[in-house]
Amino acid sequence: MTTAPHTPAPAVSHRGDLILFMSLAFGLSWASWCTAIALGGDATAGPTALPFLFGAFGPLLAALAVRVRRTRRGEPVPHTVVRTGRRTLLWAPLLLALTSATVLVAVLLAQAAGDGGPSTDTARDLMRDAGGPVAFVIGMVVSGPLSEEPGWRGTAYPRMRVTMSRFQVSAVLGVIWAVWHLPLFYIDGTVQNDLGLASPNGVLFSASAIPMTMLVSYAYERAGVIASIATHFAANTTMVVLSVDTPVTLALITGVQALVAVLLLATARPAHSPAITPAATPHSPAAPASQPLGTPHA
């Protein structure tokens, strides 16, 4: 009796989810930001503020659309989706502190090189304008970490990770993330507009998206979306509080974060446990390479 050869089960394709996510994330954000550009004025005041703020939520809204589509179709989520539980939540404060440390170390290195020391004057002004420290922190969480991470990391990353390595996903997603920010350089009152697209600071900001993606992706693989939000928040807030605005300091932050992220990704195993796909046999159907529908953060 001849036994049929063992063949691996085909991987589940998530290309449709990725196309839907990227289309909506860019479409919603860029349409809103182009409206803000056309209106002119400052991003935080007048009629420009509404489309500017709405544009930041493009990735989050796109992630929700993907989740609704998947649920209606009864489709499984990628096996690389990372669950967030009580034990993994312990990683969030650790990664927050580590990310803040990468910025602080780079600022101190820049100071040692004669590039000036950290200043909190701008942070005081921002906190006063926001209505106090609590409102400032809430604003820093919502505008960036919360509005983006459920999309870039919670939705796009695990679907790309099915067929790509962590370094490949970080490089590709980092470039996509940098391109997504481009309209902000043309809106008055944004950090990107203050940097200038063609300036050394603007180029460094765009280049820093790749090591930042690596760092936030590591956080996601350790403890899911909550950890990636904490890491994103830590980087943004520490840079704002320390008034990082010189090319030397920005270059050092990019370098330090790249070094730390490469070490972390190269030495740590993923926190998730990919599904093991058994070989297909005539009497046993191949198991799908995905988790049940109940898995969160997809």
Protein backbone atom coordinates (compact mmCIF):
# COMPACT_ATOMS: atom_id res chain seq x y z
CA MET A 1 0.00 0.00 0.00
CA THR A 2 1.48 3.33 -1.04
CA THR A 3 1.34 6.17 1.47
CA ALA A 4 0.65 9.63 0.11
CA PRO A 5 3.57 12.01 0.59
CA HIS A 6 3.29 14.50 3.43
CA THR A 7 2.68 18.02 2.19
CA PRO A 8 2.52 21.13 4.39
CA ALA A 9 -0.77 22.96 4.61
CA PRO A 10 -0.90 26.19 2.64
CA ALA A 11 -0.50 29.36 4.67
CA VAL A 12 -3.58 31.48 5.13
CA SER A 13 -3.36 34.61 2.97
CA HIS A 14 -4.05 37.92 4.67
CA ARG A 15 -3.36 40.03 1.59
CA GLY A 16 -6.97 41.23 1.42
CA ASP A 17 -6.80 42.48 5.00
CA LEU A 18 -3.55 44.32 4.30
CA ILE A 19 -4.88 45.95 1.14
CA LEU A 20 -8.02 47.10 2.97
CA PHE A 21 -6.03 48.36 5.95
CA MET A 22 -3.43 50.29 3.95
CA SER A 23 -6.05 51.77 1.61
CA LEU A 24 -8.17 53.06 4.48
CA ALA A 25 -5.26 54.16 6.69
CA PHE A 26 -3.73 56.26 3.92
CA GLY A 27 -7.04 57.29 2.36
CA LEU A 28 -8.65 58.57 5.56
CA SER A 29 -5.50 60.22 6.92
CA TRP A 30 -4.29 61.83 3.72
CA ALA A 31 -7.75 63.05 2.71
CA SER A 32 -8.15 64.69 6.13
CA TRP A 33 -4.66 66.18 6.14
CA CYS A 34 -4.97 67.46 2.58
CA THR A 35 -8.16 69.20 3.71
CA ALA A 36 -6.21 70.76 6.59
CA ILE A 37 -3.52 71.91 4.16
CA ALA A 38 -6.15 73.47 1.89
CA LEU A 39 -7.78 75.28 4.82
CA GLY A 40 -4.46 76.68 6.00
CA GLY A 41 -3.93 78.03 9.48
CA ASP A 42 -2.57 76.32 12.56
CA ALA A 43 -3.19 72.63 13.16
CA THR A 44 -4.40 73.20 16.71
CA ALA A 45 -6.82 76.06 16.10
CA GLY A 46 -9.75 77.08 13.94
CA PRO A 47 -11.26 74.94 11.17
CA THR A 48 -7.91 73.27 10.46
CA ALA A 49 -7.84 71.46 13.80
CA LEU A 50 -10.72 69.08 13.06
CA PRO A 51 -9.40 67.45 9.86
CA PHE A 52 -5.89 67.45 11.30
CA LEU A 53 -6.98 65.53 14.39
CA PHE A 54 -9.30 63.20 12.47
CA GLY A 55 -6.45 62.24 10.14
CA ALA A 56 -4.43 60.84 13.03
CA PHE A 57 -7.10 58.17 13.54
CA GLY A 58 -6.83 56.71 10.04
CA PRO A 59 -4.89 53.60 11.17
CA LEU A 60 -7.26 52.96 14.08
CA LEU A 61 -10.37 53.26 11.91
CA ALA A 62 -8.76 51.07 9.26
CA ALA A 63 -7.99 48.43 11.91
CA LEU A 64 -11.61 48.46 13.05
CA ALA A 65 -12.78 48.01 9.44
CA VAL A 66 -10.49 44.98 9.02
CA ARG A 67 -11.78 43.46 12.24
CA VAL A 68 -15.43 43.94 11.23
CA ARG A 69 -14.76 42.44 7.77
CA ARG A 70 -12.95 39.44 9.24
CA THR A 71 -15.66 38.80 11.82
CA ARG A 72 -18.45 38.95 9.28
CA ARG A 73 -16.65 36.50 7.02
CA GLY A 74 -15.76 34.17 9.88
CA GLU A 75 -12.07 34.38 8.97
CA PRO A 76 -9.30 33.45 11.46
CA VAL A 77 -6.66 35.91 12.56
CA PRO A 78 -2.95 35.38 11.83
CA HIS A 79 -1.15 32.96 14.14
CA THR A 80 1.37 35.74 14.84
CA VAL A 81 -1.18 37.92 16.62
CA VAL A 82 0.04 38.51 20.19
CA ARG A 83 -2.35 38.12 23.08
CA THR A 84 -2.36 40.71 25.86
CA GLY A 85 -2.75 39.16 29.29
CA ARG A 86 -2.03 40.02 32.89
CA ARG A 87 1.48 38.54 32.76
CA THR A 88 2.43 40.27 29.52
CA LEU A 89 1.17 43.62 30.85
CA LEU A 90 4.18 43.63 33.17
CA TRP A 91 6.28 44.34 30.07
CA ALA A 92 4.56 47.66 29.37
CA PRO A 93 6.19 49.76 32.14
CA LEU A 94 9.57 48.10 31.53
CA LEU A 95 9.46 48.91 27.81
CA LEU A 96 8.22 52.42 28.55
CA ALA A 97 11.24 53.02 30.78
CA LEU A 98 13.63 51.44 28.27
CA THR A 99 12.36 53.59 25.41
CA SER A 100 12.57 56.78 27.45
CA ALA A 101 16.11 55.77 28.39
CA THR A 102 17.16 55.49 24.72
CA VAL A 103 16.10 59.10 24.17
CA LEU A 104 17.68 60.33 27.41
CA VAL A 105 21.00 58.58 26.71
CA ALA A 106 21.12 60.09 23.23
CA VAL A 107 20.38 63.57 24.61
CA LEU A 108 23.15 63.22 27.20
CA LEU A 109 25.58 62.01 24.51
CA ALA A 110 24.69 65.04 22.42
CA GLN A 111 25.27 67.28 25.42
CA ALA A 112 28.68 65.68 25.99
CA ALA A 113 29.48 66.39 22.33
CA GLY A 114 28.66 70.06 22.86
CA ASP A 115 25.21 70.08 21.27
CA GLY A 116 23.47 71.63 24.27
CA GLY A 117 21.63 70.08 27.18
CA PRO A 118 18.01 69.06 27.62
CA SER A 119 15.43 71.77 28.21
CA THR A 120 11.93 71.49 29.65
CA ASP A 121 10.79 75.01 28.76
CA THR A 122 8.78 73.88 25.73
CA ALA A 123 7.18 71.09 27.74
CA ARG A 124 5.99 73.58 30.36
CA ASP A 125 4.40 75.72 27.68
CA LEU A 126 2.72 72.70 26.10
CA MET A 127 1.37 71.49 29.44
CA ARG A 128 0.02 74.95 30.20
CA ASP A 129 -1.64 75.20 26.78
CA ALA A 130 -3.08 71.68 27.13
CA GLY A 131 -4.68 72.50 30.48
CA GLY A 132 -2.22 70.86 32.84
CA PRO A 133 0.01 67.77 33.09
CA VAL A 134 -2.89 65.26 33.09
CA ALA A 135 -4.44 66.71 29.94
CA PHE A 136 -0.99 66.82 28.35
CA VAL A 137 -0.36 63.13 29.06
CA ILE A 138 -3.82 62.16 27.77
CA GLY A 139 -3.17 64.13 24.60
CA MET A 140 0.21 62.44 24.09
CA VAL A 141 -1.39 59.00 24.51
CA VAL A 142 -4.28 59.64 22.14
CA SER A 143 -2.47 61.57 19.41
CA GLY A 144 -0.15 58.93 18.04
CA PRO A 145 0.13 55.85 20.25
CA LEU A 146 -3.58 55.10 20.67
CA SER A 147 -4.65 56.38 17.25
CA GLU A 148 -1.96 54.42 15.39
CA GLU A 149 -0.74 51.32 17.23
CA PRO A 150 -3.90 49.17 16.95
CA GLY A 151 -3.46 49.65 13.21
CA TRP A 152 0.26 49.51 12.41
CA ARG A 153 1.17 46.90 15.01
CA GLY A 154 -2.14 45.29 16.01
CA THR A 155 -3.36 44.78 12.44
CA ALA A 156 -0.65 45.25 9.78
CA TYR A 157 2.34 43.78 11.63
CA PRO A 158 0.99 40.28 12.41
CA ARG A 159 -0.37 39.88 8.88
CA MET A 160 2.96 40.86 7.34
CA ARG A 161 4.78 38.71 9.88
CA VAL A 162 3.12 35.56 8.52
CA THR A 163 5.43 35.61 5.49
CA MET A 164 8.27 37.93 6.58
CA SER A 165 10.93 38.01 9.29
CA ARG A 166 10.82 40.56 12.08
CA PHE A 167 13.59 42.60 10.46
CA GLN A 168 11.90 42.53 7.05
CA VAL A 169 8.57 43.63 8.49
CA SER A 170 10.22 46.41 10.48
CA ALA A 171 12.03 47.75 7.41
CA VAL A 172 8.98 47.65 5.14
CA LEU A 173 6.52 48.90 7.74
CA GLY A 174 8.98 51.59 8.84
CA VAL A 175 9.14 53.00 5.31
CA ILE A 176 5.34 52.86 5.01
CA TRP A 177 4.99 54.61 8.37
CA ALA A 178 7.40 57.38 7.30
CA VAL A 179 5.52 57.93 4.03
CA TRP A 180 2.21 58.07 5.90
CA HIS A 181 3.50 61.07 7.89
CA LEU A 182 4.50 63.13 4.83
CA PRO A 183 1.43 65.43 4.59
CA LEU A 184 2.09 66.62 8.16
CA PHE A 185 5.16 68.49 6.92
CA TYR A 186 2.81 70.86 5.09
CA ILE A 187 0.46 71.63 8.00
CA ASP A 188 1.40 74.65 10.12
CA GLY A 189 1.79 73.94 13.82
CA THR A 190 2.84 70.29 13.55
CA VAL A 191 6.15 68.90 14.77
CA GLN A 192 6.93 67.80 11.21
CA ASN A 193 6.27 71.29 9.81
CA ASP A 194 8.62 72.79 12.40
CA LEU A 195 11.31 70.31 11.36
CA GLY A 196 10.96 70.92 7.62
CA LEU A 197 10.71 68.14 5.05
CA ALA A 198 13.95 68.90 3.18
CA SER A 199 15.94 69.86 6.28
CA PRO A 200 18.38 67.56 8.09
CA ASN A 201 15.87 67.31 10.93
CA GLY A 202 13.09 66.30 8.54
CA VAL A 203 15.25 63.66 6.87
CA LEU A 204 16.30 62.28 10.26
CA PHE A 205 12.68 62.20 11.42
CA SER A 206 11.72 60.11 8.41
CA ALA A 207 14.77 57.84 8.75
CA SER A 208 14.05 57.29 12.45
CA ALA A 209 10.77 55.57 11.55
CA ILE A 210 12.63 52.33 10.82
CA PRO A 211 14.46 51.89 14.17
CA MET A 212 11.36 53.16 15.95
CA THR A 213 9.29 50.55 14.12
CA MET A 214 11.77 47.88 15.20
CA LEU A 215 11.53 48.98 18.82
CA VAL A 216 7.74 49.19 18.85
CA SER A 217 7.45 45.88 16.99
CA TYR A 218 9.61 44.22 19.66
CA ALA A 219 7.24 45.64 22.27
CA TYR A 220 4.26 44.24 20.37
CA GLU A 221 5.82 40.78 20.22
CA ARG A 222 6.46 40.86 23.96
CA ALA A 223 3.06 42.04 25.17
CA GLY A 224 0.77 43.06 22.33
CA VAL A 225 -0.78 46.41 21.49
CA ILE A 226 -0.69 47.76 25.05
CA ALA A 227 3.10 47.48 25.10
CA SER A 228 3.47 49.05 21.65
CA ILE A 229 1.30 51.97 22.78
CA ALA A 230 3.48 52.41 25.88
CA THR A 231 6.68 52.34 23.79
CA HIS A 232 5.34 54.79 21.21
CA PHE A 233 4.14 57.10 24.00
CA ALA A 234 7.48 56.96 25.80
CA ALA A 235 9.48 57.95 22.72
CA ASN A 236 7.17 60.82 21.72
CA THR A 237 6.73 62.23 25.21
CA THR A 238 10.40 62.06 26.22
CA MET A 239 11.43 63.86 23.03
CA VAL A 240 8.80 66.57 23.62
CA VAL A 241 9.64 67.01 27.31
CA LEU A 242 13.38 67.30 26.55
CA SER A 243 12.77 69.62 23.56
CA VAL A 244 14.72 67.52 21.07
CA ASP A 245 15.19 69.69 17.97
CA THR A 246 18.80 69.51 16.72
CA PRO A 247 20.17 67.23 13.97
CA VAL A 248 22.94 65.85 16.21
CA THR A 249 20.52 64.82 18.94
CA LEU A 250 18.01 63.38 16.47
CA ALA A 251 20.78 61.40 14.77
CA LEU A 252 21.96 60.03 18.10
CA ILE A 253 18.43 59.04 19.11
CA THR A 254 18.03 57.20 15.81
CA GLY A 255 21.36 55.44 16.30
CA VAL A 256 20.76 54.46 19.92
CA GLN A 257 17.27 53.15 19.19
CA ALA A 258 18.54 51.21 16.18
CA LEU A 259 21.26 49.57 18.26
CA VAL A 260 18.91 48.67 21.10
CA ALA A 261 16.19 47.41 18.75
CA VAL A 262 18.58 45.21 16.74
CA LEU A 263 19.96 43.67 19.93
CA LEU A 264 16.48 43.01 21.28
CA LEU A 265 15.10 41.51 18.08
CA ALA A 266 18.20 39.44 17.45
CA THR A 267 18.41 37.91 20.93
CA ALA A 268 14.79 37.53 22.05
CA ARG A 269 12.34 34.90 20.90
CA PRO A 270 8.82 36.00 19.94
CA ALA A 271 6.36 36.00 22.81
CA HIS A 272 3.67 34.35 20.70
CA SER A 273 3.57 30.64 19.95
CA PRO A 274 2.94 30.10 16.23
CA ALA A 275 0.51 27.36 15.40
CA ILE A 276 2.17 24.12 14.35
CA THR A 277 0.81 22.99 11.02
CA PRO A 278 0.75 19.20 10.82
CA ALA A 279 1.41 17.45 7.57
CA ALA A 280 -1.64 16.70 5.51
CA THR A 281 -2.59 13.04 5.23
CA PRO A 282 -5.42 11.28 3.44
CA HIS A 283 -7.16 10.76 6.79
CA SER A 284 -6.30 13.94 8.63
CA PRO A 285 -6.93 17.42 7.19
CA ALA A 286 -4.25 19.97 7.63
CA ALA A 287 -4.78 22.35 10.52
CA PRO A 288 -5.15 26.02 9.58
CA ALA A 289 -2.18 28.23 10.37
CA SER A 290 -4.29 30.66 12.35
CA GLN A 291 -5.76 31.13 15.79
CA PRO A 292 -9.45 31.00 16.70
CA LEU A 293 -11.63 34.00 16.05
CA GLY A 294 -11.62 35.03 19.69
CA THR A 295 -8.00 36.16 19.67
CA PRO A 296 -7.82 39.89 20.49
CA HIS A 297 -5.91 42.70 18.78
CA ALA A 298 -6.58 41.68 15.20
